[in-house]
Amino acid sequence: MTGLSHLDAQGQAHMVDVGDKAETTRIAIAEGNVVMQAATLDIVRRGDAKKGDVLGTARLAGIMAAKRTHELIPLCHPLLISKIAVDLTIDEALPGVRVRVEVKMKGQTGVEMEALTAVSVACLTVYDMVKAVDRAMHIEGIRLVHKSGGKSGVYEAEQPA
């Protein structure tokens, strides 16, 4: 494991200078799940939630979150993102909603935090949209599953058993 790039010689947090880094295509994919009762999932599937379209609203929330990550995470750089894809899939086996986000750009720093923030906010939005009928829902498994671009190369997460 390497040193923490966000700490200076005195151990104080600072924003990393990426000005001398090479511009490369950066891609990050993150995922997470919202686990709920089967009856709640049925409401999501039918589009009967009192607050409206759960999956559509969560998709937009994820996109907005990725674009605003630098406003939420103090040491993140504002980025010119070229792609944000938020996929929400109903999964009867959970039961619940699987969220997967891909963020892409060409630049000097990675987009992992943007993908993770988008997944987190999309999951929270699903929760918010149907919490009135299922307070036992929980969010799980938020993690980075792929990263490419930059000097550190490609990262692929192991698939859970």
N, C-alpha and C. Protein backbone atom coordinates (compact mmCIF):
# COMPACT_ATOMS: atom_id res chain seq x y z
N MET A 1 0.84 -1.17 0.00
CA MET A 1 0.00 0.00 0.00
C MET A 1 0.89 1.24 0.00
N THR A 2 0.51 2.23 -0.81
CA THR A 2 1.30 3.46 -0.90
C THR A 2 0.84 4.47 0.13
N GLY A 3 1.59 5.55 0.26
CA GLY A 3 1.23 6.61 1.19
C GLY A 3 -0.06 7.30 0.76
N LEU A 4 -0.62 8.05 1.67
CA LEU A 4 -1.86 8.77 1.38
C LEU A 4 -1.55 10.08 0.67
N SER A 5 -1.99 10.21 -0.56
CA SER A 5 -1.65 11.38 -1.37
C SER A 5 -2.35 12.65 -0.90
N HIS A 6 -3.37 12.53 -0.09
CA HIS A 6 -4.11 13.70 0.38
C HIS A 6 -3.55 14.28 1.68
N LEU A 7 -2.39 13.77 2.11
CA LEU A 7 -1.75 14.30 3.31
C LEU A 7 -0.41 14.93 2.91
N ASP A 8 -0.14 16.12 3.44
CA ASP A 8 1.14 16.76 3.16
C ASP A 8 2.21 16.24 4.12
N ALA A 9 3.41 16.80 4.06
CA ALA A 9 4.53 16.34 4.89
C ALA A 9 4.26 16.47 6.38
N GLN A 10 3.36 17.38 6.75
CA GLN A 10 3.02 17.57 8.16
C GLN A 10 1.80 16.74 8.57
N GLY A 11 1.27 15.94 7.65
CA GLY A 11 0.11 15.10 7.96
C GLY A 11 -1.22 15.82 7.86
N GLN A 12 -1.23 16.98 7.24
CA GLN A 12 -2.46 17.74 7.10
C GLN A 12 -3.10 17.47 5.74
N ALA A 13 -4.43 17.44 5.72
CA ALA A 13 -5.16 17.19 4.48
C ALA A 13 -4.96 18.34 3.50
N HIS A 14 -4.80 18.00 2.24
CA HIS A 14 -4.69 18.99 1.17
C HIS A 14 -5.19 18.38 -0.13
N MET A 15 -5.53 19.23 -1.07
CA MET A 15 -5.97 18.77 -2.39
C MET A 15 -4.74 18.43 -3.21
N VAL A 16 -4.74 17.26 -3.79
CA VAL A 16 -3.60 16.79 -4.58
C VAL A 16 -3.48 17.62 -5.86
N ASP A 17 -2.26 18.00 -6.21
CA ASP A 17 -1.99 18.71 -7.45
C ASP A 17 -1.89 17.69 -8.57
N VAL A 18 -2.86 17.70 -9.48
CA VAL A 18 -2.86 16.73 -10.58
C VAL A 18 -2.39 17.37 -11.89
N GLY A 19 -1.90 18.61 -11.80
CA GLY A 19 -1.52 19.37 -12.99
C GLY A 19 -0.48 18.72 -13.87
N ASP A 20 0.43 17.95 -13.29
CA ASP A 20 1.48 17.33 -14.09
C ASP A 20 1.15 15.90 -14.52
N LYS A 21 -0.01 15.40 -14.14
CA LYS A 21 -0.40 14.04 -14.51
C LYS A 21 -0.85 14.00 -15.96
N ALA A 22 -0.65 12.88 -16.59
CA ALA A 22 -1.07 12.71 -17.99
C ALA A 22 -2.59 12.61 -18.07
N GLU A 23 -3.15 13.19 -19.13
CA GLU A 23 -4.57 13.02 -19.39
C GLU A 23 -4.79 11.65 -20.01
N THR A 24 -5.63 10.86 -19.38
CA THR A 24 -6.00 9.55 -19.92
C THR A 24 -7.50 9.38 -19.76
N THR A 25 -8.05 8.42 -20.47
CA THR A 25 -9.46 8.10 -20.29
C THR A 25 -9.60 7.37 -18.97
N ARG A 26 -10.46 7.87 -18.12
CA ARG A 26 -10.69 7.33 -16.79
C ARG A 26 -12.11 6.76 -16.73
N ILE A 27 -12.23 5.55 -16.26
CA ILE A 27 -13.54 4.90 -16.11
C ILE A 27 -13.61 4.29 -14.73
N ALA A 28 -14.75 4.47 -14.08
CA ALA A 28 -14.99 3.81 -12.79
C ALA A 28 -16.41 3.26 -12.81
N ILE A 29 -16.55 2.05 -12.27
CA ILE A 29 -17.86 1.41 -12.13
C ILE A 29 -18.03 1.03 -10.67
N ALA A 30 -19.17 1.42 -10.12
CA ALA A 30 -19.48 1.10 -8.72
C ALA A 30 -20.87 0.47 -8.68
N GLU A 31 -21.14 -0.24 -7.58
CA GLU A 31 -22.44 -0.88 -7.45
C GLU A 31 -22.89 -0.87 -6.00
N GLY A 32 -24.17 -1.11 -5.80
CA GLY A 32 -24.77 -1.23 -4.47
C GLY A 32 -26.19 -1.75 -4.61
N ASN A 33 -26.78 -2.14 -3.49
CA ASN A 33 -28.12 -2.72 -3.50
C ASN A 33 -29.00 -2.09 -2.44
N VAL A 34 -30.29 -2.02 -2.73
CA VAL A 34 -31.30 -1.67 -1.73
C VAL A 34 -32.16 -2.91 -1.55
N VAL A 35 -32.08 -3.48 -0.36
CA VAL A 35 -32.82 -4.71 -0.06
C VAL A 35 -34.11 -4.31 0.65
N MET A 36 -35.22 -4.91 0.22
CA MET A 36 -36.54 -4.54 0.74
C MET A 36 -37.45 -5.74 0.78
N GLN A 37 -38.62 -5.57 1.35
CA GLN A 37 -39.61 -6.63 1.36
C GLN A 37 -40.13 -6.84 -0.06
N ALA A 38 -40.57 -8.06 -0.35
CA ALA A 38 -41.09 -8.38 -1.68
C ALA A 38 -42.27 -7.49 -2.04
N ALA A 39 -43.11 -7.17 -1.07
CA ALA A 39 -44.27 -6.30 -1.34
C ALA A 39 -43.83 -4.90 -1.73
N THR A 40 -42.77 -4.41 -1.13
CA THR A 40 -42.23 -3.10 -1.47
C THR A 40 -41.66 -3.11 -2.88
N LEU A 41 -40.95 -4.18 -3.21
CA LEU A 41 -40.39 -4.31 -4.56
C LEU A 41 -41.51 -4.33 -5.59
N ASP A 42 -42.63 -4.92 -5.26
CA ASP A 42 -43.77 -4.96 -6.17
C ASP A 42 -44.30 -3.54 -6.43
N ILE A 43 -44.31 -2.70 -5.41
CA ILE A 43 -44.72 -1.30 -5.57
C ILE A 43 -43.76 -0.58 -6.52
N VAL A 44 -42.47 -0.82 -6.34
CA VAL A 44 -41.46 -0.21 -7.21
C VAL A 44 -41.68 -0.67 -8.65
N ARG A 45 -41.86 -1.97 -8.83
CA ARG A 45 -42.02 -2.54 -10.18
C ARG A 45 -43.26 -1.98 -10.88
N ARG A 46 -44.36 -1.86 -10.12
CA ARG A 46 -45.62 -1.38 -10.71
C ARG A 46 -45.63 0.13 -10.93
N GLY A 47 -44.73 0.85 -10.26
CA GLY A 47 -44.72 2.31 -10.36
C GLY A 47 -45.80 2.95 -9.52
N ASP A 48 -46.20 2.27 -8.42
CA ASP A 48 -47.29 2.75 -7.58
C ASP A 48 -46.84 3.53 -6.34
N ALA A 49 -45.60 3.88 -6.25
CA ALA A 49 -45.14 4.62 -5.07
C ALA A 49 -45.80 6.00 -5.03
N LYS A 50 -46.20 6.42 -3.85
CA LYS A 50 -46.89 7.71 -3.71
C LYS A 50 -46.04 8.88 -4.18
N LYS A 51 -44.71 8.75 -4.05
CA LYS A 51 -43.82 9.84 -4.47
C LYS A 51 -43.53 9.83 -5.97
N GLY A 52 -43.96 8.78 -6.68
CA GLY A 52 -43.77 8.76 -8.13
C GLY A 52 -42.85 7.64 -8.59
N ASP A 53 -42.21 7.86 -9.73
CA ASP A 53 -41.36 6.88 -10.40
C ASP A 53 -40.06 6.70 -9.62
N VAL A 54 -39.98 5.60 -8.88
CA VAL A 54 -38.83 5.34 -8.01
C VAL A 54 -37.54 5.21 -8.82
N LEU A 55 -37.55 4.35 -9.81
CA LEU A 55 -36.32 4.08 -10.56
C LEU A 55 -35.88 5.28 -11.38
N GLY A 56 -36.81 5.97 -12.00
CA GLY A 56 -36.46 7.15 -12.79
C GLY A 56 -35.90 8.27 -11.93
N THR A 57 -36.52 8.48 -10.77
CA THR A 57 -36.04 9.51 -9.86
C THR A 57 -34.66 9.16 -9.32
N ALA A 58 -34.45 7.90 -8.97
CA ALA A 58 -33.15 7.47 -8.46
C ALA A 58 -32.07 7.59 -9.53
N ARG A 59 -32.42 7.31 -10.77
CA ARG A 59 -31.45 7.44 -11.87
C ARG A 59 -30.99 8.89 -12.00
N LEU A 60 -31.94 9.82 -11.99
CA LEU A 60 -31.58 11.24 -12.08
C LEU A 60 -30.79 11.70 -10.87
N ALA A 61 -31.15 11.23 -9.69
CA ALA A 61 -30.42 11.59 -8.47
C ALA A 61 -28.97 11.11 -8.55
N GLY A 62 -28.76 9.90 -9.07
CA GLY A 62 -27.41 9.38 -9.23
C GLY A 62 -26.58 10.22 -10.19
N ILE A 63 -27.19 10.61 -11.29
CA ILE A 63 -26.49 11.45 -12.27
C ILE A 63 -26.11 12.79 -11.65
N MET A 64 -27.06 13.40 -10.97
CA MET A 64 -26.79 14.70 -10.33
C MET A 64 -25.70 14.57 -9.26
N ALA A 65 -25.73 13.48 -8.51
CA ALA A 65 -24.73 13.28 -7.45
C ALA A 65 -23.33 13.15 -8.03
N ALA A 66 -23.18 12.40 -9.11
CA ALA A 66 -21.85 12.25 -9.73
C ALA A 66 -21.31 13.61 -10.16
N LYS A 67 -22.18 14.44 -10.74
CA LYS A 67 -21.75 15.76 -11.21
C LYS A 67 -21.38 16.70 -10.08
N ARG A 68 -21.89 16.44 -8.87
CA ARG A 68 -21.67 17.36 -7.75
C ARG A 68 -20.77 16.77 -6.67
N THR A 69 -20.09 15.69 -6.98
CA THR A 69 -19.25 15.02 -5.97
C THR A 69 -18.25 15.97 -5.34
N HIS A 70 -17.65 16.83 -6.15
CA HIS A 70 -16.65 17.77 -5.60
C HIS A 70 -17.25 18.73 -4.58
N GLU A 71 -18.56 18.92 -4.59
CA GLU A 71 -19.21 19.78 -3.60
C GLU A 71 -19.48 19.03 -2.29
N LEU A 72 -19.44 17.70 -2.34
CA LEU A 72 -19.76 16.87 -1.18
C LEU A 72 -18.53 16.30 -0.48
N ILE A 73 -17.53 15.93 -1.26
CA ILE A 73 -16.31 15.31 -0.74
C ILE A 73 -15.22 16.39 -0.80
N PRO A 74 -14.74 16.85 0.35
CA PRO A 74 -13.90 18.05 0.39
C PRO A 74 -12.67 18.06 -0.52
N LEU A 75 -11.98 16.95 -0.72
CA LEU A 75 -10.73 17.00 -1.48
C LEU A 75 -10.85 16.50 -2.91
N CYS A 76 -12.08 16.35 -3.40
CA CYS A 76 -12.29 15.94 -4.79
C CYS A 76 -12.21 17.14 -5.72
N HIS A 77 -11.66 16.90 -6.90
CA HIS A 77 -11.58 17.95 -7.91
C HIS A 77 -12.90 18.04 -8.68
N PRO A 78 -13.28 19.24 -9.12
CA PRO A 78 -14.41 19.34 -10.06
C PRO A 78 -13.96 18.76 -11.41
N LEU A 79 -14.80 17.95 -12.01
CA LEU A 79 -14.40 17.23 -13.23
C LEU A 79 -15.35 17.49 -14.38
N LEU A 80 -14.82 17.40 -15.60
CA LEU A 80 -15.63 17.47 -16.81
C LEU A 80 -15.96 16.04 -17.24
N ILE A 81 -17.00 15.51 -16.66
CA ILE A 81 -17.40 14.12 -16.91
C ILE A 81 -18.03 14.01 -18.28
N SER A 82 -17.66 12.97 -19.03
CA SER A 82 -18.22 12.78 -20.37
C SER A 82 -19.36 11.75 -20.39
N LYS A 83 -19.43 10.88 -19.37
CA LYS A 83 -20.49 9.87 -19.35
C LYS A 83 -20.83 9.51 -17.91
N ILE A 84 -22.13 9.45 -17.65
CA ILE A 84 -22.64 8.90 -16.39
C ILE A 84 -23.80 8.00 -16.76
N ALA A 85 -23.65 6.70 -16.53
CA ALA A 85 -24.73 5.74 -16.80
C ALA A 85 -25.14 5.12 -15.47
N VAL A 86 -26.40 5.33 -15.10
CA VAL A 86 -26.95 4.79 -13.85
C VAL A 86 -27.98 3.74 -14.22
N ASP A 87 -27.68 2.50 -13.89
CA ASP A 87 -28.59 1.39 -14.19
C ASP A 87 -29.19 0.85 -12.90
N LEU A 88 -30.50 0.79 -12.85
CA LEU A 88 -31.22 0.24 -11.70
C LEU A 88 -31.99 -0.98 -12.18
N THR A 89 -31.76 -2.10 -11.52
CA THR A 89 -32.35 -3.36 -11.94
C THR A 89 -33.12 -3.97 -10.78
N ILE A 90 -34.35 -4.35 -11.05
CA ILE A 90 -35.13 -5.06 -10.04
C ILE A 90 -34.60 -6.48 -9.95
N ASP A 91 -34.35 -6.94 -8.73
CA ASP A 91 -33.81 -8.28 -8.50
C ASP A 91 -34.69 -8.99 -7.47
N GLU A 92 -35.46 -9.95 -7.94
CA GLU A 92 -36.37 -10.71 -7.06
C GLU A 92 -35.61 -11.49 -6.00
N ALA A 93 -34.38 -11.90 -6.32
CA ALA A 93 -33.60 -12.73 -5.39
C ALA A 93 -33.18 -11.96 -4.14
N LEU A 94 -33.02 -10.63 -4.25
CA LEU A 94 -32.59 -9.87 -3.07
C LEU A 94 -33.61 -9.95 -1.93
N PRO A 95 -34.84 -9.65 -2.03
CA PRO A 95 -35.47 -8.84 -3.09
C PRO A 95 -35.05 -7.37 -2.95
N GLY A 96 -35.01 -6.70 -4.11
CA GLY A 96 -34.64 -5.30 -4.07
C GLY A 96 -34.19 -4.76 -5.40
N VAL A 97 -33.43 -3.68 -5.33
CA VAL A 97 -32.96 -2.98 -6.52
C VAL A 97 -31.44 -2.97 -6.51
N ARG A 98 -30.86 -3.41 -7.61
CA ARG A 98 -29.41 -3.34 -7.80
C ARG A 98 -29.10 -2.06 -8.56
N VAL A 99 -28.09 -1.33 -8.07
CA VAL A 99 -27.69 -0.08 -8.70
C VAL A 99 -26.25 -0.24 -9.19
N ARG A 100 -26.03 0.13 -10.43
CA ARG A 100 -24.69 0.06 -11.02
C ARG A 100 -24.47 1.36 -11.78
N VAL A 101 -23.32 1.98 -11.55
CA VAL A 101 -23.02 3.27 -12.18
C VAL A 101 -21.66 3.21 -12.86
N GLU A 102 -21.62 3.72 -14.07
CA GLU A 102 -20.35 3.90 -14.79
C GLU A 102 -20.15 5.39 -15.03
N VAL A 103 -18.96 5.86 -14.68
CA VAL A 103 -18.59 7.26 -14.91
C VAL A 103 -17.32 7.26 -15.75
N LYS A 104 -17.29 8.16 -16.74
CA LYS A 104 -16.15 8.19 -17.67
C LYS A 104 -15.77 9.65 -17.95
N MET A 105 -14.49 9.86 -18.13
CA MET A 105 -13.98 11.17 -18.56
C MET A 105 -12.56 11.02 -19.07
N LYS A 106 -12.07 12.03 -19.74
CA LYS A 106 -10.66 12.09 -20.10
C LYS A 106 -10.07 13.22 -19.28
N GLY A 107 -9.09 12.87 -18.45
CA GLY A 107 -8.53 13.89 -17.58
C GLY A 107 -7.35 13.39 -16.79
N GLN A 108 -7.02 14.15 -15.75
CA GLN A 108 -5.80 13.92 -14.97
C GLN A 108 -6.05 13.27 -13.61
N THR A 109 -7.30 12.97 -13.31
CA THR A 109 -7.62 12.30 -12.05
C THR A 109 -8.78 11.35 -12.27
N GLY A 110 -8.91 10.38 -11.39
CA GLY A 110 -9.91 9.34 -11.55
C GLY A 110 -11.32 9.77 -11.19
N VAL A 111 -12.26 8.89 -11.49
CA VAL A 111 -13.68 9.16 -11.27
C VAL A 111 -14.32 8.16 -10.31
N GLU A 112 -13.50 7.52 -9.48
CA GLU A 112 -14.03 6.53 -8.53
C GLU A 112 -15.01 7.15 -7.55
N MET A 113 -14.67 8.31 -7.01
CA MET A 113 -15.55 8.94 -6.02
C MET A 113 -16.88 9.36 -6.65
N GLU A 114 -16.84 9.76 -7.91
CA GLU A 114 -18.07 10.13 -8.59
C GLU A 114 -18.99 8.92 -8.77
N ALA A 115 -18.41 7.78 -9.12
CA ALA A 115 -19.22 6.56 -9.29
C ALA A 115 -19.78 6.10 -7.95
N LEU A 116 -18.96 6.13 -6.91
CA LEU A 116 -19.42 5.70 -5.58
C LEU A 116 -20.47 6.65 -5.01
N THR A 117 -20.30 7.94 -5.24
CA THR A 117 -21.29 8.91 -4.77
C THR A 117 -22.61 8.72 -5.50
N ALA A 118 -22.54 8.49 -6.80
CA ALA A 118 -23.76 8.28 -7.59
C ALA A 118 -24.52 7.05 -7.11
N VAL A 119 -23.81 5.96 -6.85
CA VAL A 119 -24.47 4.75 -6.35
C VAL A 119 -25.12 5.02 -5.00
N SER A 120 -24.38 5.67 -4.12
CA SER A 120 -24.89 5.95 -2.78
C SER A 120 -26.16 6.78 -2.82
N VAL A 121 -26.16 7.84 -3.61
CA VAL A 121 -27.32 8.73 -3.68
C VAL A 121 -28.49 8.05 -4.40
N ALA A 122 -28.21 7.26 -5.42
CA ALA A 122 -29.29 6.53 -6.09
C ALA A 122 -29.95 5.55 -5.11
N CYS A 123 -29.14 4.85 -4.33
CA CYS A 123 -29.68 3.92 -3.32
C CYS A 123 -30.49 4.68 -2.28
N LEU A 124 -29.98 5.78 -1.79
CA LEU A 124 -30.70 6.58 -0.81
C LEU A 124 -32.02 7.10 -1.37
N THR A 125 -32.04 7.42 -2.65
CA THR A 125 -33.26 7.92 -3.28
C THR A 125 -34.31 6.81 -3.37
N VAL A 126 -33.89 5.59 -3.74
CA VAL A 126 -34.82 4.47 -3.73
C VAL A 126 -35.41 4.33 -2.33
N TYR A 127 -34.54 4.35 -1.32
CA TYR A 127 -35.00 4.24 0.07
C TYR A 127 -36.01 5.34 0.39
N ASP A 128 -35.68 6.57 0.07
CA ASP A 128 -36.56 7.70 0.37
C ASP A 128 -37.92 7.57 -0.31
N MET A 129 -37.93 7.08 -1.53
CA MET A 129 -39.17 7.01 -2.30
C MET A 129 -40.19 6.03 -1.73
N VAL A 130 -39.71 4.98 -1.03
CA VAL A 130 -40.65 3.96 -0.52
C VAL A 130 -40.50 3.69 0.98
N LYS A 131 -39.80 4.55 1.69
CA LYS A 131 -39.59 4.33 3.12
C LYS A 131 -40.89 4.33 3.91
N ALA A 132 -41.91 4.99 3.42
CA ALA A 132 -43.19 5.04 4.13
C ALA A 132 -43.84 3.66 4.24
N VAL A 133 -43.51 2.76 3.31
CA VAL A 133 -44.11 1.42 3.36
C VAL A 133 -43.14 0.35 3.85
N ASP A 134 -41.85 0.69 3.99
CA ASP A 134 -40.87 -0.34 4.39
C ASP A 134 -39.68 0.29 5.10
N ARG A 135 -39.80 0.48 6.39
CA ARG A 135 -38.71 1.05 7.18
C ARG A 135 -37.58 0.05 7.39
N ALA A 136 -37.82 -1.23 7.09
CA ALA A 136 -36.79 -2.26 7.30
C ALA A 136 -35.83 -2.38 6.12
N MET A 137 -36.02 -1.59 5.08
CA MET A 137 -35.08 -1.63 3.95
C MET A 137 -33.67 -1.36 4.44
N HIS A 138 -32.71 -1.90 3.71
CA HIS A 138 -31.32 -1.53 4.00
C HIS A 138 -30.52 -1.48 2.71
N ILE A 139 -29.47 -0.69 2.79
CA ILE A 139 -28.56 -0.49 1.66
C ILE A 139 -27.30 -1.28 1.96
N GLU A 140 -26.82 -2.01 0.97
CA GLU A 140 -25.64 -2.85 1.20
C GLU A 140 -24.75 -2.91 -0.04
N GLY A 141 -23.53 -3.33 0.20
CA GLY A 141 -22.61 -3.68 -0.88
C GLY A 141 -22.13 -2.56 -1.75
N ILE A 142 -22.13 -1.33 -1.25
CA ILE A 142 -21.62 -0.23 -2.09
C ILE A 142 -20.11 -0.39 -2.19
N ARG A 143 -19.64 -0.50 -3.44
CA ARG A 143 -18.20 -0.72 -3.64
C ARG A 143 -17.81 -0.39 -5.07
N LEU A 144 -16.53 -0.15 -5.24
CA LEU A 144 -15.93 0.03 -6.55
C LEU A 144 -15.70 -1.35 -7.15
N VAL A 145 -16.16 -1.58 -8.38
CA VAL A 145 -15.94 -2.88 -9.02
C VAL A 145 -14.97 -2.82 -10.19
N HIS A 146 -14.74 -1.62 -10.72
CA HIS A 146 -13.80 -1.47 -11.84
C HIS A 146 -13.26 -0.05 -11.85
N LYS A 147 -11.98 0.05 -12.17
CA LYS A 147 -11.33 1.35 -12.37
C LYS A 147 -10.27 1.17 -13.44
N SER A 148 -10.24 2.09 -14.39
CA SER A 148 -9.17 2.04 -15.38
C SER A 148 -8.76 3.47 -15.73
N GLY A 149 -7.55 3.56 -16.26
CA GLY A 149 -6.98 4.86 -16.60
C GLY A 149 -6.01 5.32 -15.54
N GLY A 150 -5.09 6.14 -15.95
CA GLY A 150 -4.11 6.66 -15.00
C GLY A 150 -2.94 5.73 -14.80
N LYS A 151 -2.02 6.17 -13.98
CA LYS A 151 -0.76 5.46 -13.78
C LYS A 151 -0.93 4.15 -13.04
N SER A 152 -1.96 4.05 -12.19
CA SER A 152 -2.14 2.81 -11.42
C SER A 152 -2.79 1.69 -12.22
N GLY A 153 -3.27 1.98 -13.41
CA GLY A 153 -3.80 0.95 -14.28
C GLY A 153 -5.20 0.48 -13.94
N VAL A 154 -5.44 -0.80 -14.21
CA VAL A 154 -6.79 -1.36 -14.10
C VAL A 154 -6.96 -2.05 -12.74
N TYR A 155 -8.12 -1.82 -12.14
CA TYR A 155 -8.52 -2.54 -10.92
C TYR A 155 -9.83 -3.24 -11.21
N GLU A 156 -9.91 -4.51 -10.90
CA GLU A 156 -11.16 -5.28 -11.00
C GLU A 156 -11.41 -5.92 -9.65
N ALA A 157 -12.57 -5.65 -9.06
CA ALA A 157 -12.92 -6.25 -7.77
C ALA A 157 -13.26 -7.72 -7.97
N GLU A 158 -12.96 -8.49 -6.96
CA GLU A 158 -13.38 -9.89 -6.97
C GLU A 158 -14.89 -9.94 -6.79
N GLN A 159 -15.52 -10.90 -7.44
CA GLN A 159 -16.95 -11.05 -7.28
C GLN A 159 -17.25 -11.75 -5.96
N PRO A 160 -18.25 -11.24 -5.23
CA PRO A 160 -18.59 -11.89 -3.95
C PRO A 160 -19.13 -13.29 -4.17
N ALA A 161 -18.93 -14.15 -3.17
CA ALA A 161 -19.39 -15.54 -3.28
C ALA A 161 -20.89 -15.62 -3.22
